[in-house]
Every structure is written in structure tokens, then in C-alpha cells.
Amino acid sequence: MTVWDRPEPPTRPVPLDRERIVAAAIALADEGGLKAVSLRKVAARLDAGPMRLYGFISTKEELFDLMVDEVQAEILPQGQPGDWREALRMLAQGTRQAALRHEWLADLLGGRPALGPNGLAVTEATLASLDGLADVDTVMRAVETVSAYFIGAIRREIANLRAERATGLSKRDWQRASGPHVTRMLATGRFPALSKAVYDGTDVDAETSFATGLEWVLDAVAAKLDAVDVRPDRPPGHGAGA
């Protein structure tokens, strides 16, 4: 029985329910990351005995599942996307924004599918946007491909933010501090491609990098959907990427 199927115990003198427990856990994680979350700390935040929480949640992993599902509500589209591309773009951008608000989310992205009601609703909305464009296996691979991109990009961005806080150096400060070493290494001539990237490449911010990479991935998915389009009424020259 999952945590969502198990009924909650009766109310005690100190009001307690899963909604309050999850809200307290998210607040702790927002303040100090997942390492700051434990059933004991959540109970203390709620001024309740730790054992009371076990009537609602059996393990910390269940608590994490509930936390992720609560944040999934922030990712769920509020309107009907215009097409599959907009739907996947909204999923990617919504997940990134949620992770920037709740950095701990980056540590829990990926892995097994989210089974909470909000997570299922996000998945349903995403798959529905591609329904009928190709066979179900192609649709699943398309969603997995886009998800793999934005999960990796989000984790890299969050890792950089954490490095800035841990070292006290901004990206520019770190580049200046590392500059002499990088210059010496490039001067050896052993890294010509890297040297070209360093001296000739354009440095962009995280948001621009994320958006650009996302559009490239969506272009690739569009090409694949166009190649396997199975709609019987597809007009010539009007494939999935049109």
C-alpha cells in the first residue's frame, strides 16, 4: 500500500495531517536541503511527538515522495498547451523554476516515476499533448529524451549555485581565480579545441543556455515525430514538426 492509499490516523490534541507534515518538511528542505529533513525535525517544527508522524508516514523516503508530489503541483500546467512542443517546453521550464525555488528537488529528479496525484497529472498532461502523433513507444522515448535533457541541465545549474555558496565565489570570480592556470594549460598547445572554445566562444547565462539546449532537443524530437507520423489524415508537408 502506497502512502497515498493508506488512511490517516484520527486527529489528536495537536492538529496534524499529511498536508501539515509535508509543508513543514518542505520548509526545512528549502532552508537546509534534504539533509535538514528527518521525521524528528519535522515533528519538532510541528510541536508534535516524533512517533505521531509514523501514523502518517512510515519512512523518510515516503516523506520525500510526498514532498516531490507537492512541488509537482507547481509544475502542472494551468492552461491547455497549444501543441506538444509547448507542452514539453512548459514541463521543462516549469521543472526548472520549481527547482530554483526548491533546490533539493534537483536531488530527487529522475529515477522511478512519480506516483502521487500531482505527479501523475503532470505525466498525463505531457503524454496527452503527444497522443496520436506517433506510436506509444515513440511518444515515450520523446518524453524521456526531453526529460533527460532538462533534468541534467537543472542538476548542473543547481550544482553551480551550490558551488558559489560553498566557495563564496561567483562564476566570474571563479573564472578570474582559475584564469592563470587555464591560460598556462592552453598555452601548451595540447588543447586546441578547448582553447578555441575559451577564447572565441560566447559566455551565456544559465537561463539562455537552458532555453537554447531545450529548443535543440525539441527540434530533434520534432524531426523524429515527423519521420514516424502515423496520422492517417496527415497532409503532405505538415509533419509533427511543422
C-alpha atoms as a PDB file:
ATOM      1  CA  MET A   1       0.000   0.000   0.000  1.00  0.00           C
ATOM      2  CA  THR A   2       1.458   3.374  -1.001  1.00  0.00           C
ATOM      3  CA  VAL A   3       1.483   6.399   1.253  1.00  0.00           C
ATOM      4  CA  TRP A   4      -1.328   7.907  -0.818  1.00  0.00           C
ATOM      5  CA  ASP A   5      -3.564   4.848  -0.317  1.00  0.00           C
ATOM      6  CA  ARG A   6      -3.035   4.492   3.425  1.00  0.00           C
ATOM      7  CA  PRO A   7      -5.680   6.326   5.532  1.00  0.00           C
ATOM      8  CA  GLU A   8      -4.597   8.948   8.053  1.00  0.00           C
ATOM      9  CA  PRO A   9      -4.985   8.242  11.798  1.00  0.00           C
ATOM     10  CA  PRO A  10      -7.539  10.072  13.945  1.00  0.00           C
ATOM     11  CA  THR A  11      -6.862  13.676  14.971  1.00  0.00           C
ATOM     12  CA  ARG A  12      -5.099  14.174  18.302  1.00  0.00           C
ATOM     13  CA  PRO A  13      -4.933  17.253  20.568  1.00  0.00           C
ATOM     14  CA  VAL A  14      -2.193  18.837  18.392  1.00  0.00           C
ATOM     15  CA  PRO A  15      -3.714  19.111  14.868  1.00  0.00           C
ATOM     16  CA  LEU A  16      -1.690  17.008  12.473  1.00  0.00           C
ATOM     17  CA  ASP A  17      -2.192  15.710   8.948  1.00  0.00           C
ATOM     18  CA  ARG A  18      -0.049  14.867   5.945  1.00  0.00           C
ATOM     19  CA  GLU A  19      -0.530  18.324   4.472  1.00  0.00           C
ATOM     20  CA  ARG A  20       0.995  19.983   7.568  1.00  0.00           C
ATOM     21  CA  ILE A  21       3.762  17.400   7.742  1.00  0.00           C
ATOM     22  CA  VAL A  22       4.724  17.873   4.103  1.00  0.00           C
ATOM     23  CA  ALA A  23       4.619  21.670   4.382  1.00  0.00           C
ATOM     24  CA  ALA A  24       6.951  21.533   7.384  1.00  0.00           C
ATOM     25  CA  ALA A  25       9.315  19.152   5.602  1.00  0.00           C
ATOM     26  CA  ILE A  26       9.447  21.376   2.519  1.00  0.00           C
ATOM     27  CA  ALA A  27      10.193  24.401   4.685  1.00  0.00           C
ATOM     28  CA  LEU A  28      13.077  22.550   6.323  1.00  0.00           C
ATOM     29  CA  ALA A  29      14.420  21.383   2.956  1.00  0.00           C
ATOM     30  CA  ASP A  30      14.161  24.875   1.481  1.00  0.00           C
ATOM     31  CA  GLU A  31      16.213  26.165   4.414  1.00  0.00           C
ATOM     32  CA  GLY A  32      18.863  23.459   4.634  1.00  0.00           C
ATOM     33  CA  GLY A  33      18.464  20.872   1.885  1.00  0.00           C
ATOM     34  CA  LEU A  34      17.379  17.260   2.231  1.00  0.00           C
ATOM     35  CA  LYS A  35      19.938  16.659   4.956  1.00  0.00           C
ATOM     36  CA  ALA A  36      17.907  19.008   7.147  1.00  0.00           C
ATOM     37  CA  VAL A  37      14.828  16.791   6.854  1.00  0.00           C
ATOM     38  CA  SER A  38      14.084  13.997   9.289  1.00  0.00           C
ATOM     39  CA  LEU A  39      10.902  12.820  10.950  1.00  0.00           C
ATOM     40  CA  ARG A  40      12.285  14.054  14.267  1.00  0.00           C
ATOM     41  CA  LYS A  41      12.994  17.538  12.906  1.00  0.00           C
ATOM     42  CA  VAL A  42       9.627  17.728  11.173  1.00  0.00           C
ATOM     43  CA  ALA A  43       7.889  16.706  14.389  1.00  0.00           C
ATOM     44  CA  ALA A  44       9.789  19.385  16.300  1.00  0.00           C
ATOM     45  CA  ARG A  45       8.772  22.006  13.720  1.00  0.00           C
ATOM     46  CA  LEU A  46       5.143  20.969  14.280  1.00  0.00           C
ATOM     47  CA  ASP A  47       5.483  20.775  18.076  1.00  0.00           C
ATOM     48  CA  ALA A  48       4.450  17.130  17.985  1.00  0.00           C
ATOM     49  CA  GLY A  49       5.996  13.887  19.191  1.00  0.00           C
ATOM     50  CA  PRO A  50       8.074  12.064  16.553  1.00  0.00           C
ATOM     51  CA  MET A  51       6.125   8.837  16.991  1.00  0.00           C
ATOM     52  CA  ARG A  52       2.947  10.587  15.907  1.00  0.00           C
ATOM     53  CA  LEU A  53       4.369  11.109  12.455  1.00  0.00           C
ATOM     54  CA  TYR A  54       4.681   7.359  11.920  1.00  0.00           C
ATOM     55  CA  GLY A  55       0.894   7.160  11.876  1.00  0.00           C
ATOM     56  CA  PHE A  56       1.017   9.241   8.710  1.00  0.00           C
ATOM     57  CA  ILE A  57       4.388   8.359   7.151  1.00  0.00           C
ATOM     58  CA  SER A  58       6.403   5.167   7.585  1.00  0.00           C
ATOM     59  CA  THR A  59       9.799   6.267   6.245  1.00  0.00           C
ATOM     60  CA  LYS A  60      11.758   9.337   5.234  1.00  0.00           C
ATOM     61  CA  GLU A  61      11.594   8.075   1.647  1.00  0.00           C
ATOM     62  CA  GLU A  62       7.795   8.282   1.796  1.00  0.00           C
ATOM     63  CA  LEU A  63       8.130  11.819   3.090  1.00  0.00           C
ATOM     64  CA  PHE A  64      10.374  12.698   0.148  1.00  0.00           C
ATOM     65  CA  ASP A  65       7.786  11.221  -2.229  1.00  0.00           C
ATOM     66  CA  LEU A  66       5.108  13.425  -0.702  1.00  0.00           C
ATOM     67  CA  MET A  67       7.353  16.484  -0.894  1.00  0.00           C
ATOM     68  CA  VAL A  68       8.080  15.916  -4.573  1.00  0.00           C
ATOM     69  CA  ASP A  69       4.397  15.438  -5.320  1.00  0.00           C
ATOM     70  CA  GLU A  70       3.532  18.668  -3.544  1.00  0.00           C
ATOM     71  CA  VAL A  71       6.044  20.537  -5.719  1.00  0.00           C
ATOM     72  CA  GLN A  72       4.690  18.768  -8.811  1.00  0.00           C
ATOM     73  CA  ALA A  73       1.553  20.851  -8.294  1.00  0.00           C
ATOM     74  CA  GLU A  74       3.692  23.903  -9.116  1.00  0.00           C
ATOM     75  CA  ILE A  75       4.737  22.257 -12.403  1.00  0.00           C
ATOM     76  CA  LEU A  76       1.265  21.151 -13.503  1.00  0.00           C
ATOM     77  CA  PRO A  77       0.190  23.313 -16.487  1.00  0.00           C
ATOM     78  CA  GLN A  78      -2.502  25.825 -15.584  1.00  0.00           C
ATOM     79  CA  GLY A  79      -3.830  26.046 -19.138  1.00  0.00           C
ATOM     80  CA  GLN A  80      -4.095  23.873 -22.217  1.00  0.00           C
ATOM     81  CA  PRO A  81      -0.812  23.929 -24.193  1.00  0.00           C
ATOM     82  CA  GLY A  82      -1.126  24.909 -27.821  1.00  0.00           C
ATOM     83  CA  ASP A  83       0.748  21.819 -29.039  1.00  0.00           C
ATOM     84  CA  TRP A  84       3.100  19.072 -27.916  1.00  0.00           C
ATOM     85  CA  ARG A  85       6.148  21.307 -28.254  1.00  0.00           C
ATOM     86  CA  GLU A  86       4.686  23.951 -25.965  1.00  0.00           C
ATOM     87  CA  ALA A  87       3.641  21.227 -23.508  1.00  0.00           C
ATOM     88  CA  LEU A  88       7.158  19.819 -23.269  1.00  0.00           C
ATOM     89  CA  ARG A  89       8.617  23.320 -23.069  1.00  0.00           C
ATOM     90  CA  MET A  90       6.241  24.130 -20.194  1.00  0.00           C
ATOM     91  CA  LEU A  91       7.233  20.888 -18.435  1.00  0.00           C
ATOM     92  CA  ALA A  92      10.939  21.667 -18.754  1.00  0.00           C
ATOM     93  CA  GLN A  93      10.695  25.335 -17.810  1.00  0.00           C
ATOM     94  CA  GLY A  94       8.231  24.620 -15.001  1.00  0.00           C
ATOM     95  CA  THR A  95      10.525  21.978 -13.527  1.00  0.00           C
ATOM     96  CA  ARG A  96      13.498  24.340 -13.705  1.00  0.00           C
ATOM     97  CA  GLN A  97      11.608  27.142 -11.962  1.00  0.00           C
ATOM     98  CA  ALA A  98      10.397  24.743  -9.261  1.00  0.00           C
ATOM     99  CA  ALA A  99      13.953  23.523  -8.705  1.00  0.00           C
ATOM    100  CA  LEU A 100      15.232  27.082  -8.383  1.00  0.00           C
ATOM    101  CA  ARG A 101      12.599  27.664  -5.674  1.00  0.00           C
ATOM    102  CA  HIS A 102      13.279  24.290  -4.041  1.00  0.00           C
ATOM    103  CA  GLU A 103      16.884  23.326  -4.805  1.00  0.00           C
ATOM    104  CA  TRP A 104      16.516  19.949  -3.082  1.00  0.00           C
ATOM    105  CA  LEU A 105      14.179  18.898  -5.898  1.00  0.00           C
ATOM    106  CA  ALA A 106      17.215  18.513  -8.165  1.00  0.00           C
ATOM    107  CA  ASP A 107      18.433  15.679  -5.918  1.00  0.00           C
ATOM    108  CA  LEU A 108      15.157  13.778  -6.329  1.00  0.00           C
ATOM    109  CA  LEU A 109      14.523  14.232 -10.054  1.00  0.00           C
ATOM    110  CA  GLY A 110      14.734  11.198 -12.301  1.00  0.00           C
ATOM    111  CA  GLY A 111      14.613   7.597 -11.194  1.00  0.00           C
ATOM    112  CA  ARG A 112      11.300   5.835 -10.811  1.00  0.00           C
ATOM    113  CA  PRO A 113       8.125   7.607 -11.971  1.00  0.00           C
ATOM    114  CA  ALA A 114       6.291   9.858  -9.510  1.00  0.00           C
ATOM    115  CA  LEU A 115       3.105   8.068  -8.386  1.00  0.00           C
ATOM    116  CA  GLY A 116       1.425  10.845  -6.403  1.00  0.00           C
ATOM    117  CA  PRO A 117      -1.693  12.529  -7.782  1.00  0.00           C
ATOM    118  CA  ASN A 118       0.133  15.664  -8.917  1.00  0.00           C
ATOM    119  CA  GLY A 119       2.974  13.710 -10.486  1.00  0.00           C
ATOM    120  CA  LEU A 120       0.524  11.505 -12.356  1.00  0.00           C
ATOM    121  CA  ALA A 121      -1.380  14.588 -13.515  1.00  0.00           C
ATOM    122  CA  VAL A 122       1.834  16.142 -14.878  1.00  0.00           C
ATOM    123  CA  THR A 123       2.649  12.922 -16.730  1.00  0.00           C
ATOM    124  CA  GLU A 124      -0.886  12.657 -18.094  1.00  0.00           C
ATOM    125  CA  ALA A 125      -0.861  16.229 -19.380  1.00  0.00           C
ATOM    126  CA  THR A 126       2.511  15.668 -21.029  1.00  0.00           C
ATOM    127  CA  LEU A 127       1.605  12.392 -22.732  1.00  0.00           C
ATOM    128  CA  ALA A 128      -1.795  13.705 -23.787  1.00  0.00           C
ATOM    129  CA  SER A 129      -0.110  16.504 -25.727  1.00  0.00           C
ATOM    130  CA  LEU A 130       1.643  13.924 -27.930  1.00  0.00           C
ATOM    131  CA  ASP A 131      -1.250  11.465 -28.202  1.00  0.00           C
ATOM    132  CA  GLY A 132      -1.867  10.421 -31.785  1.00  0.00           C
ATOM    133  CA  LEU A 133       1.328  11.912 -33.199  1.00  0.00           C
ATOM    134  CA  ALA A 134       3.163   8.577 -33.221  1.00  0.00           C
ATOM    135  CA  ASP A 135       3.059   5.109 -31.706  1.00  0.00           C
ATOM    136  CA  VAL A 136       3.140   4.989 -27.916  1.00  0.00           C
ATOM    137  CA  ASP A 137       6.757   3.760 -27.739  1.00  0.00           C
ATOM    138  CA  THR A 138       7.970   6.694 -29.835  1.00  0.00           C
ATOM    139  CA  VAL A 139       5.980   9.096 -27.661  1.00  0.00           C
ATOM    140  CA  MET A 140       7.522   7.613 -24.510  1.00  0.00           C
ATOM    141  CA  ARG A 141      11.042   7.913 -25.931  1.00  0.00           C
ATOM    142  CA  ALA A 142      10.341  11.518 -26.911  1.00  0.00           C
ATOM    143  CA  VAL A 143       9.278  12.431 -23.381  1.00  0.00           C
ATOM    144  CA  GLU A 144      12.217  10.529 -21.881  1.00  0.00           C
ATOM    145  CA  THR A 145      14.652  12.345 -24.178  1.00  0.00           C
ATOM    146  CA  VAL A 146      13.391  15.798 -23.239  1.00  0.00           C
ATOM    147  CA  SER A 147      13.264  14.836 -19.550  1.00  0.00           C
ATOM    148  CA  ALA A 148      16.835  13.539 -19.658  1.00  0.00           C
ATOM    149  CA  TYR A 149      17.963  16.885 -21.063  1.00  0.00           C
ATOM    150  CA  PHE A 150      16.242  19.169 -18.596  1.00  0.00           C
ATOM    151  CA  ILE A 151      16.990  17.016 -15.548  1.00  0.00           C
ATOM    152  CA  GLY A 152      20.689  17.040 -16.397  1.00  0.00           C
ATOM    153  CA  ALA A 153      20.686  20.764 -17.135  1.00  0.00           C
ATOM    154  CA  ILE A 154      18.839  21.552 -13.899  1.00  0.00           C
ATOM    155  CA  ARG A 155      21.213  19.466 -11.811  1.00  0.00           C
ATOM    156  CA  ARG A 156      24.210  21.206 -13.375  1.00  0.00           C
ATOM    157  CA  GLU A 157      22.714  24.631 -12.706  1.00  0.00           C
ATOM    158  CA  ILE A 158      21.879  23.795  -9.087  1.00  0.00           C
ATOM    159  CA  ALA A 159      25.356  22.315  -8.595  1.00  0.00           C
ATOM    160  CA  ASN A 160      26.879  25.594  -9.795  1.00  0.00           C
ATOM    161  CA  LEU A 161      24.671  27.617  -7.439  1.00  0.00           C
ATOM    162  CA  ARG A 162      25.724  25.408  -4.541  1.00  0.00           C
ATOM    163  CA  ALA A 163      29.390  25.770  -5.511  1.00  0.00           C
ATOM    164  CA  GLU A 164      29.032  29.547  -5.482  1.00  0.00           C
ATOM    165  CA  ARG A 165      27.648  29.462  -1.943  1.00  0.00           C
ATOM    166  CA  ALA A 166      30.182  26.903  -0.716  1.00  0.00           C
ATOM    167  CA  THR A 167      33.214  28.787  -2.079  1.00  0.00           C
ATOM    168  CA  GLY A 168      31.917  32.337  -1.843  1.00  0.00           C
ATOM    169  CA  LEU A 169      32.995  32.842  -5.465  1.00  0.00           C
ATOM    170  CA  SER A 170      30.612  33.865  -8.219  1.00  0.00           C
ATOM    171  CA  LYS A 171      31.069  32.353 -11.667  1.00  0.00           C
ATOM    172  CA  ARG A 172      33.080  35.417 -12.735  1.00  0.00           C
ATOM    173  CA  ASP A 173      35.194  35.334  -9.570  1.00  0.00           C
ATOM    174  CA  TRP A 174      35.928  31.632 -10.092  1.00  0.00           C
ATOM    175  CA  GLN A 175      36.883  32.228 -13.721  1.00  0.00           C
ATOM    176  CA  ARG A 176      39.263  35.016 -12.705  1.00  0.00           C
ATOM    177  CA  ALA A 177      40.800  32.864  -9.969  1.00  0.00           C
ATOM    178  CA  SER A 178      41.227  29.919 -12.344  1.00  0.00           C
ATOM    179  CA  GLY A 179      42.372  32.092 -15.253  1.00  0.00           C
ATOM    180  CA  PRO A 180      46.149  31.847 -14.771  1.00  0.00           C
ATOM    181  CA  HIS A 181      46.075  28.054 -14.557  1.00  0.00           C
ATOM    182  CA  VAL A 182      43.807  27.713 -17.592  1.00  0.00           C
ATOM    183  CA  THR A 183      45.950  30.158 -19.588  1.00  0.00           C
ATOM    184  CA  ARG A 184      49.116  28.175 -18.811  1.00  0.00           C
ATOM    185  CA  MET A 185      47.481  24.886 -19.804  1.00  0.00           C
ATOM    186  CA  LEU A 186      46.100  26.262 -23.059  1.00  0.00           C
ATOM    187  CA  ALA A 187      49.479  27.788 -23.918  1.00  0.00           C
ATOM    188  CA  THR A 188      50.967  24.270 -24.117  1.00  0.00           C
ATOM    189  CA  GLY A 189      49.103  23.719 -27.369  1.00  0.00           C
ATOM    190  CA  ARG A 190      47.726  20.398 -26.164  1.00  0.00           C
ATOM    191  CA  PHE A 191      44.116  21.589 -26.114  1.00  0.00           C
ATOM    192  CA  PRO A 192      43.394  23.460 -29.376  1.00  0.00           C
ATOM    193  CA  ALA A 193      39.644  22.768 -29.447  1.00  0.00           C
ATOM    194  CA  LEU A 194      39.274  23.821 -25.824  1.00  0.00           C
ATOM    195  CA  SER A 195      41.382  26.908 -26.463  1.00  0.00           C
ATOM    196  CA  LYS A 196      39.074  27.928 -29.299  1.00  0.00           C
ATOM    197  CA  ALA A 197      36.039  27.461 -27.056  1.00  0.00           C
ATOM    198  CA  VAL A 198      37.575  29.547 -24.253  1.00  0.00           C
ATOM    199  CA  TYR A 199      38.783  32.432 -26.381  1.00  0.00           C
ATOM    200  CA  ASP A 200      36.181  32.515 -29.169  1.00  0.00           C
ATOM    201  CA  GLY A 201      33.051  31.130 -27.510  1.00  0.00           C
ATOM    202  CA  THR A 202      30.217  33.281 -26.176  1.00  0.00           C
ATOM    203  CA  ASP A 203      29.543  33.034 -22.473  1.00  0.00           C
ATOM    204  CA  VAL A 204      25.783  32.906 -21.790  1.00  0.00           C
ATOM    205  CA  ASP A 205      23.782  32.805 -18.591  1.00  0.00           C
ATOM    206  CA  ALA A 206      22.127  29.664 -17.251  1.00  0.00           C
ATOM    207  CA  GLU A 207      18.639  30.599 -18.436  1.00  0.00           C
ATOM    208  CA  THR A 208      19.774  31.239 -22.010  1.00  0.00           C
ATOM    209  CA  SER A 209      21.820  28.046 -22.071  1.00  0.00           C
ATOM    210  CA  PHE A 210      18.849  26.041 -20.779  1.00  0.00           C
ATOM    211  CA  ALA A 211      16.391  27.533 -23.274  1.00  0.00           C
ATOM    212  CA  THR A 212      18.750  27.076 -26.230  1.00  0.00           C
ATOM    213  CA  GLY A 213      19.514  23.463 -25.423  1.00  0.00           C
ATOM    214  CA  LEU A 214      15.842  22.741 -24.886  1.00  0.00           C
ATOM    215  CA  GLU A 215      14.920  24.092 -28.326  1.00  0.00           C
ATOM    216  CA  TRP A 216      17.619  21.955 -29.939  1.00  0.00           C
ATOM    217  CA  VAL A 217      16.260  18.847 -28.224  1.00  0.00           C
ATOM    218  CA  LEU A 218      12.699  19.744 -29.225  1.00  0.00           C
ATOM    219  CA  ASP A 219      13.886  20.186 -32.827  1.00  0.00           C
ATOM    220  CA  ALA A 220      15.351  16.679 -32.745  1.00  0.00           C
ATOM    221  CA  VAL A 221      12.142  15.247 -31.287  1.00  0.00           C
ATOM    222  CA  ALA A 222      10.100  17.066 -33.943  1.00  0.00           C
ATOM    223  CA  ALA A 223      12.229  15.521 -36.686  1.00  0.00           C
ATOM    224  CA  LYS A 224      11.703  12.053 -35.243  1.00  0.00           C
ATOM    225  CA  LEU A 225       7.954  12.533 -34.845  1.00  0.00           C
ATOM    226  CA  ASP A 226       7.778  13.837 -38.403  1.00  0.00           C
ATOM    227  CA  ALA A 227       9.555  10.744 -39.678  1.00  0.00           C
ATOM    228  CA  VAL A 228       7.221   8.311 -37.905  1.00  0.00           C
ATOM    229  CA  ASP A 229       3.972  10.315 -38.072  1.00  0.00           C
ATOM    230  CA  VAL A 230       1.156   7.763 -38.174  1.00  0.00           C
ATOM    231  CA  ARG A 231      -1.841  10.082 -38.536  1.00  0.00           C
ATOM    232  CA  PRO A 232      -3.947   8.894 -41.487  1.00  0.00           C
ATOM    233  CA  ASP A 233      -5.068  12.453 -42.309  1.00  0.00           C
ATOM    234  CA  ARG A 234      -1.603  13.986 -42.323  1.00  0.00           C
ATOM    235  CA  PRO A 235      -1.398  16.464 -45.232  1.00  0.00           C
ATOM    236  CA  PRO A 236       1.814  16.479 -47.288  1.00  0.00           C
ATOM    237  CA  GLY A 237       4.399  18.847 -45.818  1.00  0.00           C
ATOM    238  CA  HIS A 238       2.587  19.145 -42.470  1.00  0.00           C
ATOM    239  CA  GLY A 239       4.504  16.770 -40.228  1.00  0.00           C
ATOM    240  CA  ALA A 240       4.774  16.827 -36.431  1.00  0.00           C
ATOM    241  CA  GLY A 241       7.475  19.490 -36.535  1.00  0.00           C
ATOM    242  CA  ALA A 242       5.517  21.884 -38.733  1.00  0.00           C
END
